Amino acid sequence: FPVTIDGVCFFLVYHYILKQQDLHIAHVSIGAHIASLCISFMAGLITNFLITKYFVFKESNIRGREQFVRYILVAAITFVGNYFMMKLLVDVFNVWPTFARLIAVGSIALLSFRLHKVFTFKVKLPKDA
């Protein structure tokens, strides 16, 4: 579900908001695919955290605030991975940006799941008395 939100948001921003045109802010030009990646990634962030916390890793006994901070750290790592995959696929291999986004998110999903399992939502064992 979060991947769907991310993918649909990317498609809408890339094709209908930015109209496949680069975003120019001050003296900086950001490729439409990278700007769309940033926006769609942020849109899926909160939704994905809530779904992951309450449906995927619900057995975790770490406080919600700590989980969210850890989640943001993992999200930053996966964002960097997504960014470089998008740059490689679109700018080097000329893959259609929406398709490249699906490849990137699919590839990074396994890394994300593993990091969340062992770090963000791990189960703390009770201390022996």
Protein backbone atom coordinates (compact mmCIF):
# COMPACT_ATOMS: atom_id res chain seq x y z
CA PHE A 1 0.00 0.00 0.00
CA PRO A 2 2.68 2.61 0.85
CA VAL A 3 4.49 1.74 -2.38
CA THR A 4 1.22 2.43 -4.21
CA ILE A 5 0.93 5.85 -2.54
CA ASP A 6 4.54 6.63 -3.41
CA GLY A 7 4.18 5.44 -7.02
CA VAL A 8 0.90 7.25 -7.68
CA CYS A 9 2.20 10.43 -6.05
CA PHE A 10 5.40 10.24 -8.13
CA PHE A 11 3.41 9.75 -11.34
CA LEU A 12 1.03 12.65 -10.58
CA VAL A 13 3.77 15.07 -9.56
CA TYR A 14 6.06 14.14 -12.45
CA HIS A 15 3.42 14.21 -15.19
CA TYR A 16 0.77 16.69 -14.02
CA ILE A 17 2.37 19.10 -11.56
CA LEU A 18 5.90 19.43 -12.92
CA LYS A 19 4.81 18.36 -16.42
CA GLN A 20 8.17 16.60 -16.85
CA GLN A 21 9.98 19.95 -16.58
CA ASP A 22 12.93 20.53 -14.25
CA LEU A 23 12.25 22.49 -11.08
CA HIS A 24 14.20 25.76 -10.81
CA ILE A 25 14.70 27.23 -7.34
CA ALA A 26 16.91 30.31 -7.19
CA HIS A 27 20.03 29.30 -9.14
CA VAL A 28 19.52 25.57 -8.69
CA SER A 29 17.91 23.27 -11.22
CA ILE A 30 16.47 19.97 -9.95
CA GLY A 31 15.49 17.30 -12.45
CA ALA A 32 11.75 16.63 -12.59
CA HIS A 33 12.34 12.98 -11.67
CA ILE A 34 14.39 13.94 -8.60
CA ALA A 35 11.91 16.61 -7.44
CA SER A 36 9.08 14.10 -7.89
CA LEU A 37 11.08 11.52 -5.93
CA CYS A 38 11.47 13.95 -3.00
CA ILE A 39 7.79 14.84 -2.93
CA SER A 40 6.51 11.28 -3.30
CA PHE A 41 8.97 9.96 -0.72
CA MET A 42 7.77 12.50 1.85
CA ALA A 43 4.12 11.74 1.07
CA GLY A 44 4.63 8.06 1.74
CA LEU A 45 6.77 8.53 4.86
CA ILE A 46 4.08 8.96 7.54
CA THR A 47 1.69 6.50 5.92
CA ASN A 48 4.41 3.89 5.67
CA PHE A 49 5.50 4.41 9.30
CA LEU A 50 1.98 3.90 10.63
CA ILE A 51 1.30 0.83 8.50
CA THR A 52 4.68 -0.67 9.36
CA LYS A 53 4.29 0.04 13.09
CA TYR A 54 0.73 -1.22 13.52
CA PHE A 55 0.48 -4.01 10.95
CA VAL A 56 3.93 -5.35 10.08
CA PHE A 57 6.00 -5.09 13.26
CA LYS A 58 3.27 -4.80 15.88
CA GLU A 59 5.17 -7.02 18.36
CA SER A 60 7.86 -4.37 18.90
CA ASN A 61 8.00 -3.03 22.45
CA ILE A 62 10.12 0.04 21.70
CA ARG A 63 8.41 3.35 22.47
CA GLY A 64 6.68 4.95 19.48
CA ARG A 65 8.77 8.11 19.59
CA GLU A 66 12.00 6.11 19.50
CA GLN A 67 10.60 3.98 16.67
CA PHE A 68 9.78 7.10 14.68
CA VAL A 69 13.29 8.55 15.12
CA ARG A 70 14.79 5.23 14.04
CA TYR A 71 12.33 5.08 11.17
CA ILE A 72 13.47 8.50 9.94
CA LEU A 73 17.12 7.34 10.05
CA VAL A 74 16.29 4.26 7.96
CA ALA A 75 14.18 6.43 5.64
CA ALA A 76 17.18 8.72 5.10
CA ILE A 77 19.34 5.72 4.16
CA THR A 78 16.73 4.35 1.77
CA PHE A 79 16.15 7.81 0.28
CA VAL A 80 19.83 8.06 -0.60
CA GLY A 81 19.62 4.62 -2.21
CA ASN A 82 16.51 5.66 -4.15
CA TYR A 83 18.17 8.92 -5.22
CA PHE A 84 21.24 7.21 -6.66
CA MET A 85 19.18 4.51 -8.35
CA MET A 86 16.98 7.18 -9.98
CA LYS A 87 20.02 9.14 -11.13
CA LEU A 88 21.58 5.98 -12.57
CA LEU A 89 18.45 4.62 -14.23
CA VAL A 90 17.13 7.90 -15.65
CA ASP A 91 20.26 9.93 -16.31
CA VAL A 92 22.64 7.14 -17.36
CA PHE A 93 20.43 4.37 -18.77
CA ASN A 94 17.58 6.62 -20.01
CA VAL A 95 14.85 4.56 -18.31
CA TRP A 96 11.40 6.17 -18.26
CA PRO A 97 11.23 7.98 -14.85
CA THR A 98 8.01 6.38 -13.58
CA PHE A 99 9.30 2.91 -14.42
CA ALA A 100 12.68 3.78 -12.87
CA ARG A 101 10.88 4.82 -9.69
CA LEU A 102 9.15 1.44 -9.49
CA ILE A 103 12.46 -0.38 -10.01
CA ALA A 104 14.17 1.75 -7.36
CA VAL A 105 11.45 1.37 -4.74
CA GLY A 106 11.22 -2.37 -5.38
CA SER A 107 14.98 -2.82 -5.05
CA ILE A 108 15.29 -0.75 -1.90
CA ALA A 109 12.24 -2.36 -0.27
CA LEU A 110 14.20 -5.43 0.83
CA LEU A 111 16.90 -3.31 2.44
CA SER A 112 14.26 -1.19 4.14
CA PHE A 113 12.39 -4.22 5.51
CA ARG A 114 15.57 -5.72 6.93
CA LEU A 115 16.70 -2.47 8.56
CA HIS A 116 13.27 -1.97 10.13
CA LYS A 117 13.22 -5.54 11.42
CA VAL A 118 16.65 -5.43 13.09
CA PHE A 119 16.74 -1.76 14.09
CA THR A 120 13.56 0.32 14.00
CA PHE A 121 11.02 -2.17 15.30
CA LYS A 122 13.20 -4.81 16.94
CA VAL A 123 11.81 -6.54 20.00
CA LYS A 124 13.74 -5.77 23.17
CA LEU A 125 14.15 -8.85 25.29
CA PRO A 126 13.22 -8.40 28.96
CA LYS A 127 16.19 -8.10 31.30
CA ASP A 128 16.67 -11.08 33.58
CA ALA A 129 16.41 -10.34 37.28
